[in-house]
Amino acid sequence: NILQTVKIHFQKLYSSLHRIPQEWAHVDRVGPTEELELTFALKQQNVHLLEEKLRLVSDPDSVQYGKHLSLEEVASLVRPSDLTEKVVHRWLQSHGITNCLTVRTQDFLQCTMTAETAERLLPGSRFHRYMRDGHYLVRSSAPYSVPNDVHHHLDFVGGLHRLPPKGLDLSKKQKSKAGFHLGVTPSILRTRYNLTSADVGSVQNNSQAVAQFLEQYYHPADLAEFMAMFGGGFQHRSEVDRVVGTQGGGKAGIEASLDVEYIMSTGANISTWVFTNPGRHESQEPFLQWMILLSNMTGLPWVHTISYGDDEDSLSAAYMTRINTEFMKAGVRGISLLFASGDSGAGCRHLGKENTFRPSFPASSPYVTTVGGTSFKNPYKVTYEVTDSISGGGFSNIFKMPDYQTTAVNSYLKTVALPPKSYFNTSGRAYPDMAALSDNYWVVSNRVPVPLVSGTSASTPVVGGMLSLINDQRFMKGLPALGFLNPRLYKLNGKALFDVTEGCHYGCLDEQVQGQGFCAAPSWDPVTGWGTPNYPALLAVLLSD
């Protein structure tokens, strides 16, 4: 027998820039026969056509505005080529991997295999168990690679590296002013943003959703209690219509309670879904699971609000680019995705002696609407708003500035005193797009009213609820859903929004910027976007075709 040695060239492929954060404690090496579930993101076709379609259906000046696609039409546009499917399936089968599920768009495969098989399939990977705050996850401690011929057909493999970011501490430390504080409740929001008791949902085919990924759960009893306490002035629902995923036991999370209570009290009387951490496998990535669900469900809610983000520099460009394509797939279907801008101001990354601001993703995605935060100028009454210093904002280091925002952003860059140019990328996607109050909310969690809850996780469901109400009115007129809002929002040029012009957010604590990031200014700015919604005015401008 002639033994032939075949050298296979391997290519490294990452979904995140590999490191295990210190807060995750190593527990043990995963046993060879333990089962893992990995997600294979197959290369899609026609991504440029998908992007063009999104532009056309989202631009109010286009004849295709509002002509959204069905999931089947999206699938026929982006599904991987026959060659891609063949190569990836053959590679998996050559390792004995046959237990795989696909999605309707056929661009994700979720496969179950033993750890031993996974490590043979992906040379370099080594699976270990890690723990943080009592939660266990399985991840690879080292980078992985795939054969060259397969590499061209995959964007990334999920379930190896990405660890969920740490949940935010939403209970803001008491401000220096002691004593009575107004506190934000549904009635305060309705007063500030000019919603009347008649501004509630009424049509059957409307729905909205929140998505939660950090082992956070809401309790139905908390929602009922919250509505009993704070929902007196308007028609509302006190129950979530559908939970997608597994609601864990144990205590309710403040974040989860906040999201559900405020989307349902702003988008009042509208059917609401909760997407929650499926938690079937320690090797799953909850955010990725949610994205895959969107590719596999037809009758989805029209508005989704998500309070979740990671530092851009902790993720690979390939991973973020693919996630952007998933956002585009949702947008062309008429779905509005709203992400919180984050609670670290401009952020700060320390690189040796140099500091730079630190953008967050998905807040920095050009294909979602990003929501920043504000505070009342006078914390004791309903006054005009100023910036909340935690409001996330800035410029992407990965994604270029989309056409829809160049005029607004360049105007800001020309007219305002800016931090040194070395701190940020002046040609990047700038965010947030708009804002709402994010300071000192009342939440009911574990049957207890909790004051002083703050963060853009509060402002995002508030804006989402208002967009759901506008969709409701659009459906009554026979108009399509708002879908991806940004091209239309930027064409309004600030009309129908309360412009926020006072205050700055946090930046790097160093000699050059002294803890300050960007500052608010007239029109668009990278702290509060275009400002906060004046609901009746926004409804009026968005009710035209």
Protein backbone atom coordinates (compact mmCIF):
# COMPACT_ATOMS: atom_id res chain seq x y z
CA ASN A 1 0.00 0.00 0.00
CA ILE A 2 1.21 3.43 -0.85
CA LEU A 3 0.37 5.75 2.03
CA GLN A 4 -0.40 9.16 0.66
CA THR A 5 -0.08 12.13 2.97
CA VAL A 6 -2.57 14.85 2.19
CA LYS A 7 -1.85 18.26 3.62
CA ILE A 8 -5.03 20.26 4.19
CA HIS A 9 -4.62 24.01 4.49
CA PHE A 10 -6.60 25.48 7.35
CA GLN A 11 -7.93 28.99 7.67
CA LYS A 12 -8.71 30.63 10.99
CA LEU A 13 -12.30 31.80 11.32
CA TYR A 14 -13.55 33.76 14.31
CA SER A 15 -16.88 35.03 15.55
CA SER A 16 -15.15 37.09 18.23
CA LEU A 17 -11.64 38.29 18.87
CA HIS A 18 -10.63 35.56 21.16
CA ARG A 19 -10.29 36.05 24.90
CA ILE A 20 -12.14 34.77 27.95
CA PRO A 21 -13.06 37.77 30.16
CA GLN A 22 -11.78 37.59 33.74
CA GLU A 23 -15.24 37.54 35.30
CA TRP A 24 -15.81 34.05 33.81
CA ALA A 25 -14.25 31.46 36.14
CA HIS A 26 -12.89 28.26 34.61
CA VAL A 27 -14.75 25.19 35.93
CA ASP A 28 -13.46 22.20 33.99
CA ARG A 29 -12.53 20.76 30.60
CA VAL A 30 -15.58 19.42 28.78
CA GLY A 31 -15.65 15.61 28.58
CA PRO A 32 -15.17 14.07 25.10
CA THR A 33 -18.68 12.57 24.97
CA GLU A 34 -20.55 15.68 26.18
CA GLU A 35 -22.93 17.08 23.58
CA LEU A 36 -22.50 20.56 22.13
CA GLU A 37 -24.68 22.52 19.73
CA LEU A 38 -22.78 24.64 17.20
CA THR A 39 -24.20 27.07 14.64
CA PHE A 40 -22.75 27.27 11.13
CA ALA A 41 -23.42 30.53 9.29
CA LEU A 42 -23.33 29.62 5.59
CA LYS A 43 -22.31 32.28 3.07
CA GLN A 44 -25.34 33.94 1.53
CA GLN A 45 -25.99 35.03 -2.05
CA ASN A 46 -27.08 38.46 -3.31
CA VAL A 47 -26.31 40.42 -0.14
CA HIS A 48 -25.78 43.56 -2.28
CA LEU A 49 -29.25 43.08 -3.83
CA LEU A 50 -30.73 42.65 -0.34
CA GLU A 51 -29.13 45.93 0.75
CA GLU A 52 -30.48 47.73 -2.33
CA LYS A 53 -33.95 46.28 -1.72
CA LEU A 54 -33.84 47.50 1.90
CA ARG A 55 -32.91 50.99 0.68
CA LEU A 56 -35.83 51.06 -1.75
CA VAL A 57 -38.53 49.76 0.63
CA SER A 58 -37.34 52.10 3.44
CA ASP A 59 -36.95 55.35 1.47
CA PRO A 60 -40.21 57.34 1.46
CA ASP A 61 -39.22 58.91 -1.89
CA SER A 62 -38.96 55.52 -3.60
CA VAL A 63 -41.89 54.02 -5.54
CA GLN A 64 -41.09 50.74 -3.76
CA TYR A 65 -41.50 52.31 -0.28
CA GLY A 66 -43.34 49.93 2.05
CA LYS A 67 -43.40 47.07 -0.50
CA HIS A 68 -41.90 44.62 1.95
CA LEU A 69 -40.87 41.06 1.15
CA SER A 70 -42.21 37.84 2.64
CA LEU A 71 -39.84 35.43 4.41
CA GLU A 72 -40.08 33.16 1.33
CA GLU A 73 -38.98 36.02 -0.94
CA VAL A 74 -36.08 36.83 1.39
CA ALA A 75 -35.10 33.14 1.37
CA SER A 76 -35.08 32.93 -2.43
CA LEU A 77 -32.84 36.02 -2.54
CA VAL A 78 -30.17 35.12 0.02
CA ARG A 79 -30.18 31.31 0.32
CA PRO A 80 -26.68 29.84 -0.07
CA SER A 81 -25.60 28.46 -3.44
CA ASP A 82 -25.93 24.75 -4.11
CA LEU A 83 -22.15 24.52 -4.02
CA THR A 84 -21.97 26.14 -0.56
CA GLU A 85 -24.61 23.77 0.81
CA LYS A 86 -22.88 20.76 -0.75
CA VAL A 87 -19.40 21.64 0.53
CA VAL A 88 -20.54 22.38 4.11
CA HIS A 89 -22.81 19.30 4.34
CA ARG A 90 -20.07 17.04 2.93
CA TRP A 91 -17.53 18.42 5.44
CA LEU A 92 -19.91 17.84 8.38
CA GLN A 93 -20.88 14.36 7.19
CA SER A 94 -17.22 13.38 6.76
CA HIS A 95 -16.95 13.85 10.55
CA GLY A 96 -20.11 11.84 11.20
CA ILE A 97 -22.23 14.94 11.94
CA THR A 98 -25.78 14.37 10.70
CA ASN A 99 -27.96 15.76 13.52
CA CYS A 100 -28.50 19.23 12.00
CA LEU A 101 -31.44 21.61 11.73
CA THR A 102 -31.68 24.34 9.12
CA VAL A 103 -33.87 27.46 8.85
CA ARG A 104 -36.26 28.63 6.14
CA THR A 105 -33.59 30.85 4.60
CA GLN A 106 -31.19 27.84 4.65
CA ASP A 107 -28.27 30.07 5.66
CA PHE A 108 -27.83 28.66 9.18
CA LEU A 109 -27.23 25.08 10.27
CA GLN A 110 -27.49 24.11 13.94
CA CYS A 111 -25.75 20.82 14.58
CA THR A 112 -25.41 18.64 17.66
CA MET A 113 -22.18 16.69 18.18
CA THR A 114 -19.86 15.51 20.93
CA ALA A 115 -17.04 17.74 22.16
CA GLU A 116 -14.53 15.24 20.76
CA THR A 117 -16.10 15.47 17.29
CA ALA A 118 -16.26 19.30 17.47
CA GLU A 119 -12.55 19.50 18.31
CA ARG A 120 -11.70 17.23 15.36
CA LEU A 121 -13.96 19.23 13.05
CA LEU A 122 -12.48 22.58 14.13
CA PRO A 123 -8.71 22.14 14.73
CA GLY A 124 -7.40 24.36 17.52
CA SER A 125 -10.68 24.42 19.48
CA ARG A 126 -10.61 23.21 23.10
CA PHE A 127 -13.94 23.20 24.95
CA HIS A 128 -14.10 24.22 28.60
CA ARG A 129 -16.90 25.09 31.01
CA TYR A 130 -16.97 28.58 32.56
CA MET A 131 -19.16 30.14 35.24
CA ARG A 132 -20.30 33.67 36.07
CA ASP A 133 -22.91 34.59 38.68
CA GLY A 134 -24.07 30.97 38.92
CA HIS A 135 -24.57 30.60 35.13
CA TYR A 136 -22.55 28.02 33.20
CA LEU A 137 -21.41 28.22 29.59
CA VAL A 138 -19.28 26.01 27.38
CA ARG A 139 -16.82 27.78 25.07
CA SER A 140 -13.52 27.10 23.36
CA SER A 141 -10.45 28.45 25.15
CA ALA A 142 -8.51 28.73 21.88
CA PRO A 143 -9.09 29.94 18.30
CA TYR A 144 -10.41 27.42 15.78
CA SER A 145 -9.77 26.86 12.09
CA VAL A 146 -11.58 25.25 9.17
CA PRO A 147 -10.19 23.76 5.93
CA ASN A 148 -9.50 26.30 3.19
CA ASP A 149 -12.05 24.83 0.79
CA VAL A 150 -14.77 25.13 3.48
CA HIS A 151 -13.67 28.58 4.65
CA HIS A 152 -15.00 30.23 1.47
CA HIS A 153 -18.48 28.92 2.26
CA LEU A 154 -18.78 29.94 5.93
CA ASP A 155 -19.06 33.32 7.66
CA PHE A 156 -18.41 31.93 11.15
CA VAL A 157 -19.18 29.08 13.53
CA GLY A 158 -21.24 30.13 16.57
CA GLY A 159 -21.03 28.57 20.03
CA LEU A 160 -17.23 28.66 20.37
CA HIS A 161 -16.14 32.06 21.54
CA ARG A 162 -18.73 34.74 22.13
CA LEU A 163 -19.58 35.19 25.80
CA PRO A 164 -22.55 37.34 26.81
CA PRO A 165 -21.48 40.80 28.01
CA LYS A 166 -22.01 41.54 31.66
CA GLY A 167 -25.50 42.80 32.52
CA LEU A 168 -25.71 46.48 33.35
CA ASP A 169 -26.22 47.78 36.85
CA LEU A 170 -29.45 49.60 36.16
CA SER A 171 -29.99 50.85 39.67
CA LYS A 172 -28.32 54.21 39.34
CA LYS A 173 -26.49 55.49 42.34
CA GLN A 174 -28.51 58.21 44.06
CA LYS A 175 -27.72 61.60 42.61
CA SER A 176 -26.38 64.27 44.89
CA LYS A 177 -29.86 65.78 45.35
CA ALA A 178 -31.42 63.91 48.21
CA GLY A 179 -35.09 63.86 49.08
CA PHE A 180 -38.17 63.60 46.90
CA HIS A 181 -37.64 62.81 43.24
CA LEU A 182 -40.27 62.78 40.56
CA GLY A 183 -39.40 59.33 39.14
CA VAL A 184 -40.47 58.25 35.66
CA THR A 185 -43.73 56.27 35.34
CA PRO A 186 -46.06 55.59 32.37
CA SER A 187 -48.16 58.68 33.17
CA ILE A 188 -45.04 60.91 33.30
CA LEU A 189 -43.93 59.55 29.89
CA ARG A 190 -47.40 60.10 28.44
CA THR A 191 -47.40 63.69 29.73
CA ARG A 192 -43.92 64.48 28.40
CA TYR A 193 -44.42 62.90 24.97
CA ASN A 194 -48.03 64.13 24.57
CA LEU A 195 -49.82 60.78 24.47
CA THR A 196 -53.48 60.94 25.49
CA SER A 197 -55.56 58.18 27.09
CA ALA A 198 -56.91 57.50 23.57
CA ASP A 199 -53.42 56.67 22.26
CA VAL A 200 -53.62 52.90 22.66
CA GLY A 201 -53.63 50.00 20.20
CA SER A 202 -56.84 48.74 18.62
CA VAL A 203 -56.12 46.62 15.53
CA GLN A 204 -55.82 42.82 15.51
CA ASN A 205 -52.79 42.37 13.24
CA ASN A 206 -50.37 44.49 15.28
CA SER A 207 -47.77 43.19 17.73
CA GLN A 208 -44.49 44.18 19.37
CA ALA A 209 -41.71 42.30 21.13
CA VAL A 210 -38.82 42.59 23.54
CA ALA A 211 -35.83 40.24 23.38
CA GLN A 212 -33.77 39.25 26.42
CA PHE A 213 -30.51 37.31 26.41
CA LEU A 214 -28.72 37.58 29.73
CA GLU A 215 -30.47 34.88 31.78
CA GLN A 216 -33.04 37.54 32.60
CA TYR A 217 -36.70 36.70 33.13
CA TYR A 218 -39.83 38.72 33.74
CA HIS A 219 -42.54 37.50 36.10
CA PRO A 220 -46.18 37.74 34.93
CA ALA A 221 -47.17 38.73 38.50
CA ASP A 222 -44.80 41.73 38.34
CA LEU A 223 -46.34 42.92 35.08
CA ALA A 224 -49.87 42.63 36.53
CA GLU A 225 -48.81 44.52 39.68
CA PHE A 226 -47.07 47.23 37.61
CA MET A 227 -50.18 47.80 35.48
CA ALA A 228 -52.39 47.89 38.60
CA MET A 229 -50.12 50.56 40.10
CA PHE A 230 -49.23 52.64 37.04
CA GLY A 231 -51.68 51.77 34.21
CA GLY A 232 -54.77 53.51 35.55
CA GLY A 233 -55.13 56.30 32.99
CA PHE A 234 -55.24 54.29 29.74
CA GLN A 235 -56.51 51.01 28.31
CA HIS A 236 -53.80 48.36 28.58
CA ARG A 237 -53.04 44.65 28.71
CA SER A 238 -51.59 43.03 31.80
CA GLU A 239 -50.32 39.83 30.19
CA VAL A 240 -47.72 38.96 27.57
CA ASP A 241 -49.37 37.11 24.65
CA ARG A 242 -46.48 34.87 23.71
CA VAL A 243 -43.15 33.81 25.21
CA VAL A 244 -40.70 32.41 22.64
CA GLY A 245 -38.01 30.37 24.38
CA THR A 246 -37.79 29.17 27.94
CA GLN A 247 -38.62 31.41 30.88
CA GLY A 248 -36.25 30.34 33.65
CA GLY A 249 -37.26 30.11 37.28
CA GLY A 250 -35.78 32.11 40.10
CA LYS A 251 -35.89 35.84 40.61
CA ALA A 252 -37.12 38.28 38.00
CA GLY A 253 -34.42 40.50 36.50
CA ILE A 254 -34.79 44.28 36.70
CA GLU A 255 -33.80 44.57 33.02
CA ALA A 256 -36.44 42.05 31.87
CA SER A 257 -39.13 43.64 34.06
CA LEU A 258 -38.23 47.11 32.74
CA ASP A 259 -38.40 46.10 29.06
CA VAL A 260 -41.78 44.38 29.29
CA GLU A 261 -43.44 46.92 31.60
CA TYR A 262 -42.48 49.94 29.52
CA ILE A 263 -43.11 48.63 26.00
CA MET A 264 -46.56 47.49 27.22
CA SER A 265 -47.42 50.77 28.96
CA THR A 266 -46.23 52.96 26.06
CA GLY A 267 -47.38 50.67 23.25
CA ALA A 268 -50.48 50.12 25.37
CA ASN A 269 -53.12 47.53 24.50
CA ILE A 270 -50.91 46.00 21.77
CA SER A 271 -50.19 42.28 21.66
CA THR A 272 -46.68 41.74 23.08
CA TRP A 273 -44.20 38.88 22.75
CA VAL A 274 -41.12 38.14 24.81
CA PHE A 275 -38.16 36.39 23.18
CA THR A 276 -36.16 34.89 26.01
CA ASN A 277 -32.91 32.95 26.37
CA PRO A 278 -33.71 29.45 25.05
CA GLY A 279 -31.06 28.00 27.39
CA ARG A 280 -31.27 24.46 25.99
CA HIS A 281 -27.51 24.09 25.63
CA GLU A 282 -24.61 25.64 27.52
CA SER A 283 -22.91 26.01 24.14
CA GLN A 284 -25.64 28.23 22.64
CA GLU A 285 -25.24 31.96 22.08
CA PRO A 286 -28.59 33.52 23.04
CA PHE A 287 -28.29 36.58 20.75
CA LEU A 288 -27.47 34.36 17.79
CA GLN A 289 -30.40 32.07 18.69
CA TRP A 290 -32.74 35.06 18.50
CA MET A 291 -31.36 36.08 15.09
CA ILE A 292 -31.90 32.52 13.82
CA LEU A 293 -35.50 32.54 15.10
CA LEU A 294 -36.16 35.66 13.01
CA SER A 295 -35.02 33.69 9.93
CA ASN A 296 -37.40 30.89 10.74
CA MET A 297 -40.69 32.55 11.71
CA THR A 298 -43.27 34.07 9.40
CA GLY A 299 -45.80 35.91 11.59
CA LEU A 300 -43.37 38.05 13.58
CA PRO A 301 -44.14 41.19 15.63
CA TRP A 302 -43.52 44.41 13.69
CA VAL A 303 -41.39 46.17 16.34
CA HIS A 304 -38.61 44.54 18.39
CA THR A 305 -36.70 46.37 21.12
CA ILE A 306 -33.42 44.95 22.35
CA SER A 307 -31.26 46.18 25.23
CA TYR A 308 -28.04 44.37 24.42
CA GLY A 309 -24.59 45.26 23.18
CA ASP A 310 -20.91 44.42 23.06
CA ASP A 311 -17.77 46.46 22.40
CA GLU A 312 -17.15 46.53 18.64
CA ASP A 313 -13.50 45.70 19.22
CA SER A 314 -14.40 42.42 20.98
CA LEU A 315 -16.10 41.03 17.85
CA SER A 316 -14.73 40.08 14.44
CA ALA A 317 -15.70 42.19 11.42
CA ALA A 318 -16.91 38.99 9.67
CA TYR A 319 -19.31 38.22 12.52
CA MET A 320 -20.72 41.77 12.68
CA THR A 321 -21.05 41.96 8.89
CA ARG A 322 -23.10 38.76 8.90
CA ILE A 323 -25.29 40.01 11.77
CA ASN A 324 -25.88 43.17 9.71
CA THR A 325 -27.17 40.99 6.87
CA GLU A 326 -29.58 39.40 9.36
CA PHE A 327 -30.80 42.90 10.31
CA MET A 328 -31.32 43.69 6.61
CA LYS A 329 -33.35 40.48 6.22
CA ALA A 330 -35.65 41.71 9.00
CA GLY A 331 -35.86 45.25 7.59
CA VAL A 332 -36.96 44.19 4.09
CA ARG A 333 -39.80 42.25 5.75
CA GLY A 334 -41.10 45.48 7.37
CA ILE A 335 -39.76 44.73 10.85
CA SER A 336 -38.39 47.62 12.96
CA LEU A 337 -35.39 46.67 15.12
CA LEU A 338 -34.53 49.10 17.93
CA PHE A 339 -31.34 48.70 19.96
CA ALA A 340 -30.29 50.55 23.11
CA SER A 341 -27.24 52.75 22.48
CA GLY A 342 -25.51 51.57 25.68
CA ASP A 343 -24.80 53.14 29.06
CA SER A 344 -21.11 54.05 28.79
CA GLY A 345 -21.30 57.36 26.93
CA ALA A 346 -18.64 57.40 24.20
CA GLY A 347 -16.85 54.54 25.99
CA CYS A 348 -13.09 54.34 26.36
CA ARG A 349 -10.49 51.90 25.10
CA HIS A 350 -6.99 52.07 26.56
CA LEU A 351 -4.34 51.19 23.98
CA GLY A 352 -0.95 51.61 25.62
CA LYS A 353 -0.48 55.36 26.07
CA GLU A 354 -3.23 56.17 23.57
CA ASN A 355 -6.94 56.24 24.43
CA THR A 356 -9.81 56.11 21.97
CA PHE A 357 -13.58 56.09 22.34
CA ARG A 358 -15.17 52.64 22.22
CA PRO A 359 -18.23 52.12 20.00
CA SER A 360 -20.77 49.39 20.78
CA PHE A 361 -22.43 46.86 18.45
CA PRO A 362 -25.26 46.36 17.41
CA ALA A 363 -25.80 50.04 18.35
CA SER A 364 -23.29 50.91 15.58
CA SER A 365 -25.07 48.85 12.91
CA PRO A 366 -26.30 50.97 9.96
CA TYR A 367 -29.40 48.72 9.67
CA VAL A 368 -31.05 49.26 13.08
CA THR A 369 -32.54 52.26 14.85
CA THR A 370 -30.43 53.07 17.91
CA VAL A 371 -31.97 54.81 20.92
CA GLY A 372 -30.03 57.02 23.34
CA GLY A 373 -31.06 58.52 26.67
CA THR A 374 -32.09 61.80 28.29
CA SER A 375 -32.94 63.23 31.72
CA PHE A 376 -35.35 65.95 32.79
CA LYS A 377 -33.63 69.33 33.16
CA ASN A 378 -35.43 69.71 36.48
CA PRO A 379 -35.66 66.29 38.18
CA TYR A 380 -38.65 67.45 40.25
CA LYS A 381 -41.03 68.22 37.39
CA VAL A 382 -41.90 67.40 33.79
CA THR A 383 -39.63 69.88 32.02
CA TYR A 384 -37.61 69.84 28.83
CA GLU A 385 -34.91 67.19 28.46
CA VAL A 386 -31.12 67.32 28.55
CA THR A 387 -28.65 64.52 27.83
CA ASP A 388 -28.24 61.63 30.24
CA SER A 389 -24.46 61.46 30.69
CA ILE A 390 -24.49 57.66 30.32
CA SER A 391 -26.22 57.78 26.88
CA GLY A 392 -24.16 55.65 24.49
CA GLY A 393 -23.12 57.30 21.24
CA GLY A 394 -20.30 57.77 18.80
CA PHE A 395 -18.91 56.53 15.50
CA SER A 396 -18.33 52.98 14.30
CA ASN A 397 -14.77 51.89 13.58
CA ILE A 398 -16.04 49.13 11.28
CA PHE A 399 -19.06 50.38 9.31
CA LYS A 400 -18.99 53.41 7.05
CA MET A 401 -21.48 56.20 7.47
CA PRO A 402 -24.67 55.29 5.58
CA ASP A 403 -25.93 57.70 2.94
CA TYR A 404 -29.13 58.45 4.85
CA GLN A 405 -27.21 60.24 7.62
CA THR A 406 -24.21 61.91 5.92
CA THR A 407 -25.76 65.40 5.66
CA ALA A 408 -26.90 65.47 9.31
CA VAL A 409 -23.69 64.03 10.75
CA ASN A 410 -21.33 66.14 8.64
CA SER A 411 -23.23 69.23 9.72
CA TYR A 412 -22.61 68.26 13.37
CA LEU A 413 -18.93 67.57 12.68
CA LYS A 414 -18.50 71.00 11.07
CA THR A 415 -20.32 73.13 13.62
CA VAL A 416 -19.51 71.70 17.06
CA ALA A 417 -16.35 71.70 19.19
CA LEU A 418 -15.20 68.08 18.96
CA PRO A 419 -12.90 65.78 20.91
CA PRO A 420 -9.51 65.18 19.20
CA LYS A 421 -9.91 63.31 15.88
CA SER A 422 -7.65 60.50 17.16
CA TYR A 423 -10.46 59.42 19.51
CA PHE A 424 -13.06 58.51 16.87
CA ASN A 425 -13.64 57.64 13.22
CA THR A 426 -15.26 60.66 11.53
CA SER A 427 -16.37 58.55 8.54
CA GLY A 428 -18.07 55.79 10.57
CA ARG A 429 -21.77 55.04 11.11
CA ALA A 430 -22.81 57.57 13.75
CA TYR A 431 -25.32 56.79 16.48
CA PRO A 432 -27.81 57.06 18.22
CA ASP A 433 -30.64 57.98 15.85
CA MET A 434 -33.10 59.24 18.47
CA ALA A 435 -33.60 59.13 22.25
CA ALA A 436 -36.08 59.14 25.14
CA LEU A 437 -35.94 59.51 28.92
CA SER A 438 -33.54 56.97 30.45
CA ASP A 439 -33.23 58.25 34.00
CA ASN A 440 -34.93 57.26 37.28
CA TYR A 441 -37.70 54.88 36.25
CA TRP A 442 -40.06 53.02 38.55
CA VAL A 443 -40.15 49.25 37.89
CA VAL A 444 -41.96 46.41 39.67
CA SER A 445 -39.63 43.45 40.13
CA ASN A 446 -40.24 40.43 42.39
CA ARG A 447 -43.51 42.11 43.47
CA VAL A 448 -41.66 45.16 44.83
CA PRO A 449 -41.79 48.68 43.29
CA VAL A 450 -38.15 49.67 42.63
CA PRO A 451 -37.25 53.34 42.02
CA LEU A 452 -34.19 54.93 40.36
CA VAL A 453 -33.77 52.40 37.55
CA SER A 454 -31.86 54.00 34.68
CA GLY A 455 -30.30 53.21 31.33
CA THR A 456 -31.00 53.20 27.61
CA SER A 457 -32.69 49.85 28.30
CA ALA A 458 -35.52 52.09 29.55
CA SER A 459 -35.64 54.56 26.65
CA THR A 460 -35.60 51.85 23.94
CA PRO A 461 -38.90 50.09 24.78
CA VAL A 462 -40.53 53.51 25.26
CA VAL A 463 -39.65 54.52 21.68
CA GLY A 464 -40.58 51.02 20.48
CA GLY A 465 -44.02 51.28 22.08
CA MET A 466 -44.66 54.60 20.31
CA LEU A 467 -43.64 53.15 16.93
CA SER A 468 -46.07 50.27 17.58
CA LEU A 469 -48.86 52.80 18.17
CA ILE A 470 -47.96 54.52 14.88
CA ASN A 471 -48.01 51.13 13.09
CA ASP A 472 -51.46 50.59 14.60
CA GLN A 473 -52.74 53.80 13.02
CA ARG A 474 -51.01 52.98 9.71
CA PHE A 475 -52.69 49.55 9.60
CA MET A 476 -56.09 51.20 10.19
CA LYS A 477 -55.44 53.28 7.05
CA GLY A 478 -54.34 50.23 5.04
CA LEU A 479 -50.69 51.34 5.03
CA PRO A 480 -47.72 48.99 5.50
CA ALA A 481 -45.62 48.80 8.68
CA LEU A 482 -42.91 51.42 9.21
CA GLY A 483 -40.15 48.83 8.82
CA PHE A 484 -36.57 50.14 8.90
CA LEU A 485 -37.14 53.69 10.13
CA ASN A 486 -33.78 55.45 9.65
CA PRO A 487 -34.01 56.65 6.02
CA ARG A 488 -37.39 58.21 6.79
CA LEU A 489 -36.32 59.51 10.21
CA TYR A 490 -33.33 61.39 8.76
CA LYS A 491 -35.48 62.90 5.98
CA LEU A 492 -37.70 64.44 8.68
CA ASN A 493 -34.67 66.53 9.62
CA GLY A 494 -35.74 66.74 13.24
CA LYS A 495 -39.38 67.53 12.53
CA ALA A 496 -41.77 66.02 15.14
CA LEU A 497 -38.99 65.46 17.69
CA PHE A 498 -37.97 67.47 20.76
CA ASP A 499 -34.41 68.57 20.03
CA VAL A 500 -32.04 67.99 22.95
CA THR A 501 -29.28 70.61 22.92
CA GLU A 502 -27.82 70.62 26.44
CA GLY A 503 -25.27 68.37 28.07
CA CYS A 504 -22.50 65.93 27.19
CA HIS A 505 -21.89 62.24 27.83
CA TYR A 506 -18.98 60.39 29.38
CA GLY A 507 -15.70 59.73 27.58
CA CYS A 508 -12.16 58.76 28.54
CA LEU A 509 -10.91 59.92 31.92
CA ASP A 510 -7.60 61.37 30.73
CA GLU A 511 -5.85 64.70 30.31
CA GLN A 512 -7.04 65.29 26.76
CA VAL A 513 -10.81 64.82 27.08
CA GLN A 514 -11.13 64.82 30.90
CA GLY A 515 -14.00 62.36 31.11
CA GLN A 516 -16.10 63.97 28.40
CA GLY A 517 -17.21 62.42 25.11
CA PHE A 518 -19.47 64.27 22.67
CA CYS A 519 -21.97 67.02 23.46
CA ALA A 520 -25.55 67.61 22.38
CA ALA A 521 -26.21 70.32 19.80
CA PRO A 522 -29.09 71.64 17.67
CA SER A 523 -30.37 69.03 15.15
CA TRP A 524 -28.65 65.61 15.14
CA ASP A 525 -25.87 64.80 17.63
CA PRO A 526 -24.06 61.59 18.71
CA VAL A 527 -25.54 61.69 22.24
CA THR A 528 -29.32 61.93 21.64
CA GLY A 529 -29.60 61.60 17.83
CA TRP A 530 -32.46 63.76 16.52
CA GLY A 531 -34.00 64.06 19.98
CA THR A 532 -37.07 62.60 21.67
CA PRO A 533 -40.53 61.88 20.19
CA ASN A 534 -43.34 64.41 20.23
CA TYR A 535 -45.88 61.64 19.68
CA PRO A 536 -48.82 63.44 17.97
CA ALA A 537 -46.45 65.28 15.62
CA LEU A 538 -44.50 62.11 14.86
CA LEU A 539 -47.75 60.22 14.24
CA ALA A 540 -48.90 62.91 11.82
CA VAL A 541 -45.70 62.88 9.72
CA LEU A 542 -45.46 59.07 9.71
CA LEU A 543 -49.12 58.54 8.80
CA SER A 544 -48.59 59.88 5.31
CA ASP A 545 -48.00 57.03 2.82
